[in-house]
PDB file of N, CA and C in Angstrom:
ATOM      1  N   UNK A   1      30.824  85.583 131.378  1.00  0.00           N
ATOM      2  CA  UNK A   1      30.473  84.606 130.665  1.00  0.00           C
ATOM      3  C   UNK A   1      31.193  84.684 129.259  1.00  0.00           C
ATOM      4  N   UNK A   2      31.265  86.109 128.677  1.00  0.00           N
ATOM      5  CA  UNK A   2      31.882  86.268 127.459  1.00  0.00           C
ATOM      6  C   UNK A   2      33.249  85.624 127.334  1.00  0.00           C
ATOM      7  N   UNK A   3      34.078  85.928 128.507  1.00  0.00           N
ATOM      8  CA  UNK A   3      35.355  85.040 128.562  1.00  0.00           C
ATOM      9  C   UNK A   3      35.638  83.766 128.481  1.00  0.00           C
ATOM     10  N   UNK A   4      34.494  82.926 128.418  1.00  0.00           N
ATOM     11  CA  UNK A   4      34.446  81.513 128.329  1.00  0.00           C
ATOM     12  C   UNK A   4      34.408  81.102 126.970  1.00  0.00           C
ATOM     13  N   UNK A   5      33.866  82.076 125.789  1.00  0.00           N
ATOM     14  CA  UNK A   5      33.751  81.874 124.588  1.00  0.00           C
ATOM     15  C   UNK A   5      34.957  81.427 123.857  1.00  0.00           C
ATOM     16  N   UNK A   6      36.147  81.932 123.905  1.00  0.00           N
ATOM     17  CA  UNK A   6      37.190  81.560 123.244  1.00  0.00           C
ATOM     18  C   UNK A   6      37.614  79.905 123.490  1.00  0.00           C
ATOM     19  N   UNK A   7      37.797  79.742 124.905  1.00  0.00           N
ATOM     20  CA  UNK A   7      38.077  78.247 125.095  1.00  0.00           C
ATOM     21  C   UNK A   7      36.905  77.476 124.853  1.00  0.00           C
ATOM     22  N   UNK A   8      35.539  77.750 124.726  1.00  0.00           N
ATOM     23  CA  UNK A   8      34.620  76.952 124.101  1.00  0.00           C
ATOM     24  C   UNK A   8      34.708  76.606 122.734  1.00  0.00           C
ATOM     25  N   UNK A   9      34.919  77.613 122.011  1.00  0.00           N
ATOM     26  CA  UNK A   9      35.410  77.604 120.330  1.00  0.00           C
ATOM     27  C   UNK A   9      36.319  76.774 120.327  1.00  0.00           C
ATOM     28  N   UNK A  10      37.529  76.902 120.853  1.00  0.00           N
ATOM     29  CA  UNK A  10      38.673  76.084 120.662  1.00  0.00           C
ATOM     30  C   UNK A  10      38.419  74.464 120.746  1.00  0.00           C
ATOM     31  N   UNK A  11      37.673  74.335 121.895  1.00  0.00           N
ATOM     32  CA  UNK A  11      37.342  73.012 122.316  1.00  0.00           C
ATOM     33  C   UNK A  11      36.421  72.272 121.259  1.00  0.00           C
ATOM     34  N   UNK A  12      35.606  73.303 120.493  1.00  0.00           N
ATOM     35  CA  UNK A  12      34.794  72.494 119.437  1.00  0.00           C
ATOM     36  C   UNK A  12      35.438  72.580 117.759  1.00  0.00           C
ATOM     37  N   UNK A  13      36.425  73.448 117.726  1.00  0.00           N
ATOM     38  CA  UNK A  13      37.255  73.821 116.580  1.00  0.00           C
ATOM     39  C   UNK A  13      37.820  72.429 115.860  1.00  0.00           C
ATOM     40  N   UNK A  14      37.444  72.217 114.690  1.00  0.00           N
ATOM     41  CA  UNK A  14      37.940  71.164 113.916  1.00  0.00           C
ATOM     42  C   UNK A  14      38.417  71.555 112.462  1.00  0.00           C
ATOM     43  N   UNK A  15      39.241  70.753 111.892  1.00  0.00           N
ATOM     44  CA  UNK A  15      39.492  71.192 110.475  1.00  0.00           C
ATOM     45  C   UNK A  15      38.324  70.901 109.564  1.00  0.00           C
ATOM     46  N   UNK A  16      37.481  70.130 109.785  1.00  0.00           N
ATOM     47  CA  UNK A  16      36.132  69.841 109.070  1.00  0.00           C
ATOM     48  C   UNK A  16      35.178  70.926 109.356  1.00  0.00           C
ATOM     49  N   UNK A  17      35.043  71.611 110.619  1.00  0.00           N
ATOM     50  CA  UNK A  17      34.377  72.538 111.035  1.00  0.00           C
ATOM     51  C   UNK A  17      34.934  73.671 111.928  1.00  0.00           C
ATOM     52  N   UNK A  18      35.629  74.338 111.302  1.00  0.00           N
ATOM     53  CA  UNK A  18      36.331  75.609 111.794  1.00  0.00           C
ATOM     54  C   UNK A  18      35.450  76.646 112.644  1.00  0.00           C
ATOM     55  N   UNK A  19      36.024  77.065 113.623  1.00  0.00           N
ATOM     56  CA  UNK A  19      35.206  78.133 114.353  1.00  0.00           C
ATOM     57  C   UNK A  19      36.099  79.269 114.715  1.00  0.00           C
ATOM     58  N   UNK A  20      35.655  80.344 114.193  1.00  0.00           N
ATOM     59  CA  UNK A  20      36.379  81.531 114.436  1.00  0.00           C
ATOM     60  C   UNK A  20      35.709  82.438 115.369  1.00  0.00           C
ATOM     61  N   UNK A  21      36.278  83.098 116.455  1.00  0.00           N
ATOM     62  CA  UNK A  21      35.800  84.050 117.417  1.00  0.00           C
ATOM     63  C   UNK A  21      36.119  85.367 116.982  1.00  0.00           C
ATOM     64  N   UNK A  22      35.162  86.248 116.938  1.00  0.00           N
ATOM     65  CA  UNK A  22      35.134  87.685 116.749  1.00  0.00           C
ATOM     66  C   UNK A  22      34.924  88.408 117.926  1.00  0.00           C
ATOM     67  N   UNK A  23      35.834  89.163 118.554  1.00  0.00           N
ATOM     68  CA  UNK A  23      35.317  89.962 119.819  1.00  0.00           C
ATOM     69  C   UNK A  23      34.789  91.189 119.280  1.00  0.00           C
ATOM     70  N   UNK A  24      33.539  91.534 119.483  1.00  0.00           N
ATOM     71  CA  UNK A  24      32.820  92.808 119.193  1.00  0.00           C
ATOM     72  C   UNK A  24      32.537  93.518 120.413  1.00  0.00           C
ATOM     73  N   UNK A  25      33.056  93.308 121.564  1.00  0.00           N
ATOM     74  CA  UNK A  25      33.208  94.001 122.897  1.00  0.00           C
ATOM     75  C   UNK A  25      34.053  94.826 123.155  1.00  0.00           C
ATOM     76  N   UNK A  26      35.363  94.478 122.724  1.00  0.00           N
ATOM     77  CA  UNK A  26      36.512  95.331 123.096  1.00  0.00           C
ATOM     78  C   UNK A  26      36.440  96.544 122.100  1.00  0.00           C
ATOM     79  N   UNK A  27      36.799  97.515 122.909  1.00  0.00           N
ATOM     80  CA  UNK A  27      37.026  98.914 122.156  1.00  0.00           C
ATOM     81  C   UNK A  27      35.675  99.616 121.924  1.00  0.00           C
ATOM     82  N   UNK A  28      34.398  98.913 122.274  1.00  0.00           N
ATOM     83  CA  UNK A  28      33.274  99.449 122.067  1.00  0.00           C
ATOM     84  C   UNK A  28      32.823 100.277 123.341  1.00  0.00           C
ATOM     85  N   UNK A  29      32.263 101.645 123.261  1.00  0.00           N
ATOM     86  CA  UNK A  29      31.845 102.209 124.506  1.00  0.00           C
ATOM     87  C   UNK A  29      30.400 102.646 124.253  1.00  0.00           C
ATOM     88  N   UNK A  30      29.698 103.313 125.331  1.00  0.00           N
ATOM     89  CA  UNK A  30      28.423 103.583 125.306  1.00  0.00           C
ATOM     90  C   UNK A  30      28.181 104.633 124.072  1.00  0.00           C
ATOM     91  N   UNK A  31      29.302 105.510 123.942  1.00  0.00           N
ATOM     92  CA  UNK A  31      29.353 106.627 122.822  1.00  0.00           C
ATOM     93  C   UNK A  31      28.936 105.771 121.364  1.00  0.00           C
ATOM     94  N   UNK A  32      29.287 104.528 121.329  1.00  0.00           N
ATOM     95  CA  UNK A  32      29.002 103.844 119.892  1.00  0.00           C
ATOM     96  C   UNK A  32      27.613 103.034 119.889  1.00  0.00           C
ATOM     97  N   UNK A  33      26.782 103.597 120.801  1.00  0.00           N
ATOM     98  CA  UNK A  33      25.346 103.245 120.964  1.00  0.00           C
ATOM     99  C   UNK A  33      24.460 104.171 120.595  1.00  0.00           C
ATOM    100  N   UNK A  34      23.408 104.073 119.808  1.00  0.00           N
ATOM    101  CA  UNK A  34      22.539 104.857 119.327  1.00  0.00           C
ATOM    102  C   UNK A  34      21.115 104.983 120.645  1.00  0.00           C
ATOM    103  N   UNK A  35      21.014 103.781 121.257  1.00  0.00           N
ATOM    104  CA  UNK A  35      19.917 103.580 122.312  1.00  0.00           C
ATOM    105  C   UNK A  35      20.152 102.874 123.464  1.00  0.00           C
ATOM    106  N   UNK A  36      21.553 102.865 123.669  1.00  0.00           N
ATOM    107  CA  UNK A  36      21.915 101.955 124.958  1.00  0.00           C
ATOM    108  C   UNK A  36      22.216 100.636 124.649  1.00  0.00           C
ATOM    109  N   UNK A  37      21.992 100.121 123.428  1.00  0.00           N
ATOM    110  CA  UNK A  37      21.886  98.625 123.061  1.00  0.00           C
ATOM    111  C   UNK A  37      22.533  98.570 121.671  1.00  0.00           C
ATOM    112  N   UNK A  38      21.959  99.225 120.677  1.00  0.00           N
ATOM    113  CA  UNK A  38      22.458  99.010 119.206  1.00  0.00           C
ATOM    114  C   UNK A  38      23.406 100.010 118.865  1.00  0.00           C
ATOM    115  N   UNK A  39      24.178  99.512 117.891  1.00  0.00           N
ATOM    116  CA  UNK A  39      25.357 100.531 117.425  1.00  0.00           C
ATOM    117  C   UNK A  39      24.823 101.790 116.660  1.00  0.00           C
ATOM    118  N   UNK A  40      25.329 102.727 116.938  1.00  0.00           N
ATOM    119  CA  UNK A  40      25.269 104.077 115.905  1.00  0.00           C
ATOM    120  C   UNK A  40      26.209 103.958 114.852  1.00  0.00           C
ATOM    121  N   UNK A  41      26.335 104.933 113.959  1.00  0.00           N
ATOM    122  CA  UNK A  41      27.341 105.005 113.025  1.00  0.00           C
ATOM    123  C   UNK A  41      28.743 104.686 113.216  1.00  0.00           C
ATOM    124  N   UNK A  42      29.142 105.033 114.249  1.00  0.00           N
ATOM    125  CA  UNK A  42      30.634 104.977 114.777  1.00  0.00           C
ATOM    126  C   UNK A  42      30.591 103.487 115.147  1.00  0.00           C
ATOM    127  N   UNK A  43      29.636 102.953 115.964  1.00  0.00           N
ATOM    128  CA  UNK A  43      29.777 101.545 116.517  1.00  0.00           C
ATOM    129  C   UNK A  43      29.554 100.567 115.518  1.00  0.00           C
ATOM    130  N   UNK A  44      28.819 100.804 114.217  1.00  0.00           N
ATOM    131  CA  UNK A  44      28.705 100.117 112.940  1.00  0.00           C
ATOM    132  C   UNK A  44      30.288 100.105 112.424  1.00  0.00           C
ATOM    133  N   UNK A  45      30.988 101.070 112.442  1.00  0.00           N
ATOM    134  CA  UNK A  45      32.300 101.260 111.930  1.00  0.00           C
ATOM    135  C   UNK A  45      33.251 100.393 112.590  1.00  0.00           C
ATOM    136  N   UNK A  46      33.208 100.314 113.808  1.00  0.00           N
ATOM    137  CA  UNK A  46      34.195  99.767 114.771  1.00  0.00           C
ATOM    138  C   UNK A  46      33.906  98.093 114.346  1.00  0.00           C
ATOM    139  N   UNK A  47      32.512  97.766 114.444  1.00  0.00           N
ATOM    140  CA  UNK A  47      32.285  96.351 114.443  1.00  0.00           C
ATOM    141  C   UNK A  47      32.731  95.876 113.054  1.00  0.00           C
ATOM    142  N   UNK A  48      32.418  96.663 111.953  1.00  0.00           N
ATOM    143  CA  UNK A  48      32.991  96.374 110.493  1.00  0.00           C
ATOM    144  C   UNK A  48      34.397  96.187 110.607  1.00  0.00           C
ATOM    145  N   UNK A  49      35.225  96.871 111.268  1.00  0.00           N
ATOM    146  CA  UNK A  49      36.576  96.695 111.307  1.00  0.00           C
ATOM    147  C   UNK A  49      37.183  95.566 111.770  1.00  0.00           C
ATOM    148  N   UNK A  50      36.325  94.842 112.667  1.00  0.00           N
ATOM    149  CA  UNK A  50      36.600  93.809 113.174  1.00  0.00           C
ATOM    150  C   UNK A  50      36.037  92.588 112.477  1.00  0.00           C
ATOM    151  N   UNK A  51      35.170  92.639 111.974  1.00  0.00           N
ATOM    152  CA  UNK A  51      34.387  91.517 111.176  1.00  0.00           C
ATOM    153  C   UNK A  51      35.190  91.421 109.873  1.00  0.00           C
ATOM    154  N   UNK A  52      35.636  92.474 109.219  1.00  0.00           N
ATOM    155  CA  UNK A  52      36.011  92.455 107.875  1.00  0.00           C
ATOM    156  C   UNK A  52      37.452  91.414 107.957  1.00  0.00           C
ATOM    157  N   UNK A  53      38.400  91.601 108.838  1.00  0.00           N
ATOM    158  CA  UNK A  53      39.633  90.541 108.869  1.00  0.00           C
ATOM    159  C   UNK A  53      39.183  89.347 109.309  1.00  0.00           C
ATOM    160  N   UNK A  54      38.031  88.926 109.942  1.00  0.00           N
ATOM    161  CA  UNK A  54      37.669  87.675 110.312  1.00  0.00           C
ATOM    162  C   UNK A  54      37.019  87.036 109.157  1.00  0.00           C
ATOM    163  N   UNK A  55      36.293  87.916 108.148  1.00  0.00           N
ATOM    164  CA  UNK A  55      35.695  87.212 107.224  1.00  0.00           C
ATOM    165  C   UNK A  55      36.674  86.909 106.045  1.00  0.00           C
ATOM    166  N   UNK A  56      37.524  87.703 105.909  1.00  0.00           N
ATOM    167  CA  UNK A  56      38.858  87.428 105.015  1.00  0.00           C
ATOM    168  C   UNK A  56      39.588  86.166 105.406  1.00  0.00           C
ATOM    169  N   UNK A  57      39.688  86.228 106.903  1.00  0.00           N
ATOM    170  CA  UNK A  57      40.409  84.801 107.190  1.00  0.00           C
ATOM    171  C   UNK A  57      39.771  83.624 106.985  1.00  0.00           C
ATOM    172  N   UNK A  58      38.274  83.659 107.178  1.00  0.00           N
ATOM    173  CA  UNK A  58      37.278  82.667 106.948  1.00  0.00           C
ATOM    174  C   UNK A  58      37.534  82.259 105.503  1.00  0.00           C
ATOM    175  N   UNK A  59      37.477  82.977 104.648  1.00  0.00           N
ATOM    176  CA  UNK A  59      37.375  82.780 103.128  1.00  0.00           C
ATOM    177  C   UNK A  59      38.815  82.074 102.937  1.00  0.00           C
ATOM    178  N   UNK A  60      39.996  82.669 103.109  1.00  0.00           N
ATOM    179  CA  UNK A  60      41.269  82.048 103.122  1.00  0.00           C
ATOM    180  C   UNK A  60      41.474  80.702 103.543  1.00  0.00           C
ATOM    181  N   UNK A  61      40.743  80.569 104.862  1.00  0.00           N
ATOM    182  CA  UNK A  61      40.833  79.263 105.406  1.00  0.00           C
ATOM    183  C   UNK A  61      39.972  78.104 104.409  1.00  0.00           C
ATOM    184  N   UNK A  62      38.899  78.538 103.861  1.00  0.00           N
ATOM    185  CA  UNK A  62      38.001  77.840 102.887  1.00  0.00           C
ATOM    186  C   UNK A  62      38.783  77.332 101.739  1.00  0.00           C
ATOM    187  N   UNK A  63      39.566  78.417 101.076  1.00  0.00           N
ATOM    188  CA  UNK A  63      40.203  78.218  99.897  1.00  0.00           C
ATOM    189  C   UNK A  63      41.320  77.376 100.082  1.00  0.00           C
ATOM    190  N   UNK A  64      42.098  77.354 101.432  1.00  0.00           N
ATOM    191  CA  UNK A  64      43.231  76.619 101.588  1.00  0.00           C
ATOM    192  C   UNK A  64      42.886  75.022 101.857  1.00  0.00           C
ATOM    193  N   UNK A  65      41.475  75.028 102.257  1.00  0.00           N
ATOM    194  CA  UNK A  65      41.233  73.497 102.492  1.00  0.00           C
ATOM    195  C   UNK A  65      40.356  73.024 101.485  1.00  0.00           C
ATOM    196  N   UNK A  66      40.809  73.157 100.089  1.00  0.00           N
ATOM    197  CA  UNK A  66      39.833  72.867  99.102  1.00  0.00           C
ATOM    198  C   UNK A  66      39.441  71.326  98.897  1.00  0.00           C
ATOM    199  N   UNK A  67      39.950  70.652  99.713  1.00  0.00           N
ATOM    200  CA  UNK A  67      39.767  69.051  99.598  1.00  0.00           C
ATOM    201  C   UNK A  67      38.306  68.814 100.554  1.00  0.00           C
ATOM    202  N   UNK A  68      38.107  69.901 101.452  1.00  0.00           N
ATOM    203  CA  UNK A  68      37.050  69.729 102.285  1.00  0.00           C
ATOM    204  C   UNK A  68      35.800  70.536 101.515  1.00  0.00           C
ATOM    205  N   UNK A  69      34.559  69.540 101.612  1.00  0.00           N
ATOM    206  CA  UNK A  69      33.313  69.786 100.996  1.00  0.00           C
ATOM    207  C   UNK A  69      32.579  70.566 102.024  1.00  0.00           C
ATOM    208  N   UNK A  70      32.299  71.793 101.798  1.00  0.00           N
ATOM    209  CA  UNK A  70      31.472  72.519 102.706  1.00  0.00           C
ATOM    210  C   UNK A  70      29.868  72.624 102.308  1.00  0.00           C
ATOM    211  N   UNK A  71      29.036  72.238 103.039  1.00  0.00           N
ATOM    212  CA  UNK A  71      27.751  72.330 102.657  1.00  0.00           C
ATOM    213  C   UNK A  71      26.792  73.468 103.241  1.00  0.00           C
ATOM    214  N   UNK A  72      25.912  73.949 102.440  1.00  0.00           N
ATOM    215  CA  UNK A  72      25.206  75.035 103.081  1.00  0.00           C
ATOM    216  C   UNK A  72      23.822  74.449 103.657  1.00  0.00           C
ATOM    217  N   UNK A  73      23.702  75.105 104.812  1.00  0.00           N
ATOM    218  CA  UNK A  73      22.734  74.552 105.766  1.00  0.00           C
ATOM    219  C   UNK A  73      21.242  75.667 105.905  1.00  0.00           C
ATOM    220  N   UNK A  74      20.281  75.258 105.568  1.00  0.00           N
ATOM    221  CA  UNK A  74      19.024  76.243 105.590  1.00  0.00           C
ATOM    222  C   UNK A  74      18.703  76.135 106.913  1.00  0.00           C
ATOM    223  N   UNK A  75      18.328  77.278 107.412  1.00  0.00           N
ATOM    224  CA  UNK A  75      18.157  77.416 108.908  1.00  0.00           C
ATOM    225  C   UNK A  75      16.508  78.149 108.662  1.00  0.00           C
ATOM    226  N   UNK A  76      15.532  77.591 109.382  1.00  0.00           N
ATOM    227  CA  UNK A  76      14.172  78.041 109.544  1.00  0.00           C
ATOM    228  C   UNK A  76      14.161  79.170 110.436  1.00  0.00           C
ATOM    229  N   UNK A  77      13.421  80.351 110.122  1.00  0.00           N
ATOM    230  CA  UNK A  77      13.304  81.550 110.875  1.00  0.00           C
ATOM    231  C   UNK A  77      11.889  81.399 111.524  1.00  0.00           C
ATOM    232  N   UNK A  78      11.794  81.284 112.744  1.00  0.00           N
ATOM    233  CA  UNK A  78      10.621  81.286 113.741  1.00  0.00           C
ATOM    234  C   UNK A  78      10.570  82.394 114.582  1.00  0.00           C
ATOM    235  N   UNK A  79       9.590  83.124 114.250  1.00  0.00           N
ATOM    236  CA  UNK A  79       9.345  84.481 115.265  1.00  0.00           C
ATOM    237  C   UNK A  79       8.346  84.276 116.267  1.00  0.00           C
TER     238      UNK A  79
END
């Protein structure tokens, strides 16, 4: 199922509503998990190393499209 995400994101990506896909699976191993599911410190570091460039890319994308008005959307948390 995860292999379908890039194509799905590409199909929905627009200049007005850009979508960036961050692969958090490649490079992770069971040694990067503290309980078989959640990352340990090594896993956190690997995830941060992938997220940081994506966040920088997103900020640059927003800055380069200064004619686009981005709006903040509030999302209610329901437990």
